[in-house]
Amino acid sequence: MHDKKLYGTATVGTKGQVVIPADAREEIGIMPGDRLYVLGSCKSGFVGLLKEDQIESYIETMNLHIETFKSLKKSKEQ
């Protein structure tokens, strides 16, 4: 099963605001007051949103991998 889905379209308002389609908010679990991080690429014109807890999870995973890498590197150097 694919976890990526096209939820429809959104229009940018005069204040730069975008309404996230209701089915996307519901399926992804976006609630009023949630903090979303905006990321994108000027080159490709991509804009995406990540929930704060997802960013925190990615950072924790990267930190674990960094520590594992440091440990492996240190053992090879000895």
Protein backbone atom coordinates (compact mmCIF):
# COMPACT_ATOMS: atom_id res chain seq x y z
CA MET A 1 0.00 0.00 0.00
CA HIS A 2 1.26 3.48 -0.86
CA ASP A 3 1.33 6.07 1.87
CA LYS A 4 1.56 9.00 -0.54
CA LYS A 5 -1.69 10.46 -1.78
CA LEU A 6 -2.92 13.44 -3.74
CA TYR A 7 -5.59 15.11 -1.61
CA GLY A 8 -6.71 17.71 -4.12
CA THR A 9 -5.81 21.34 -4.55
CA ALA A 10 -5.48 24.40 -2.38
CA THR A 11 -5.42 28.07 -3.31
CA VAL A 12 -3.05 30.58 -1.75
CA GLY A 13 -5.02 33.52 -0.39
CA THR A 14 -3.96 37.18 -0.40
CA LYS A 15 -2.34 36.73 3.04
CA GLY A 16 -0.40 33.65 1.90
CA GLN A 17 -2.71 31.28 3.75
CA VAL A 18 -3.56 27.84 2.41
CA VAL A 19 -6.41 25.62 3.59
CA ILE A 20 -5.34 21.98 3.91
CA PRO A 21 -8.12 19.73 2.54
CA ALA A 22 -10.24 18.19 5.32
CA ASP A 23 -9.56 14.58 4.28
CA ALA A 24 -5.80 15.25 4.40
CA ARG A 25 -6.07 16.81 7.88
CA GLU A 26 -8.17 13.90 9.08
CA GLU A 27 -6.01 11.09 7.66
CA ILE A 28 -2.72 12.69 8.72
CA GLY A 29 -4.03 13.77 12.10
CA ILE A 30 -3.50 17.50 11.75
CA MET A 31 -5.41 19.28 14.50
CA PRO A 32 -6.04 23.00 15.13
CA GLY A 33 -3.01 24.44 16.90
CA ASP A 34 -0.55 21.84 15.51
CA ARG A 35 2.77 23.32 14.49
CA LEU A 36 3.72 22.48 10.89
CA TYR A 37 7.16 23.03 9.40
CA VAL A 38 7.28 24.28 5.82
CA LEU A 39 10.03 22.89 3.63
CA GLY A 40 10.65 23.17 -0.05
CA SER A 41 12.92 23.53 -3.00
CA CYS A 42 13.21 26.69 -5.04
CA LYS A 43 14.71 24.70 -7.92
CA SER A 44 11.81 22.24 -8.23
CA GLY A 45 9.05 24.48 -6.88
CA PHE A 46 8.21 21.90 -4.21
CA VAL A 47 6.52 22.96 -0.96
CA GLY A 48 5.69 20.48 1.79
CA LEU A 49 4.52 20.48 5.38
CA LEU A 50 5.73 18.26 8.23
CA LYS A 51 4.17 17.99 11.65
CA GLU A 52 6.48 18.99 14.50
CA ASP A 53 6.38 15.51 16.04
CA GLN A 54 7.59 14.03 12.73
CA ILE A 55 10.56 16.42 12.68
CA GLU A 56 11.39 15.43 16.27
CA SER A 57 11.18 11.74 15.33
CA TYR A 58 13.50 12.23 12.33
CA ILE A 59 16.01 14.10 14.50
CA GLU A 60 15.99 11.34 17.14
CA THR A 61 16.56 8.70 14.44
CA MET A 62 19.40 10.71 12.88
CA ASN A 63 21.04 11.17 16.29
CA LEU A 64 20.94 7.40 16.86
CA HIS A 65 22.54 6.80 13.47
CA ILE A 66 25.20 9.45 14.15
CA GLU A 67 26.11 7.84 17.47
CA THR A 68 26.30 4.40 15.81
CA PHE A 69 28.51 5.84 13.06
CA LYS A 70 30.82 7.50 15.61
CA SER A 71 31.10 4.24 17.53
CA LEU A 72 31.93 2.23 14.40
CA LYS A 73 34.47 4.81 13.25
CA LYS A 74 36.13 4.87 16.68
CA SER A 75 36.39 1.04 16.81
CA LYS A 76 37.98 0.95 13.32
CA GLU A 77 40.54 3.59 14.31
CA GLN A 78 41.75 1.55 17.28
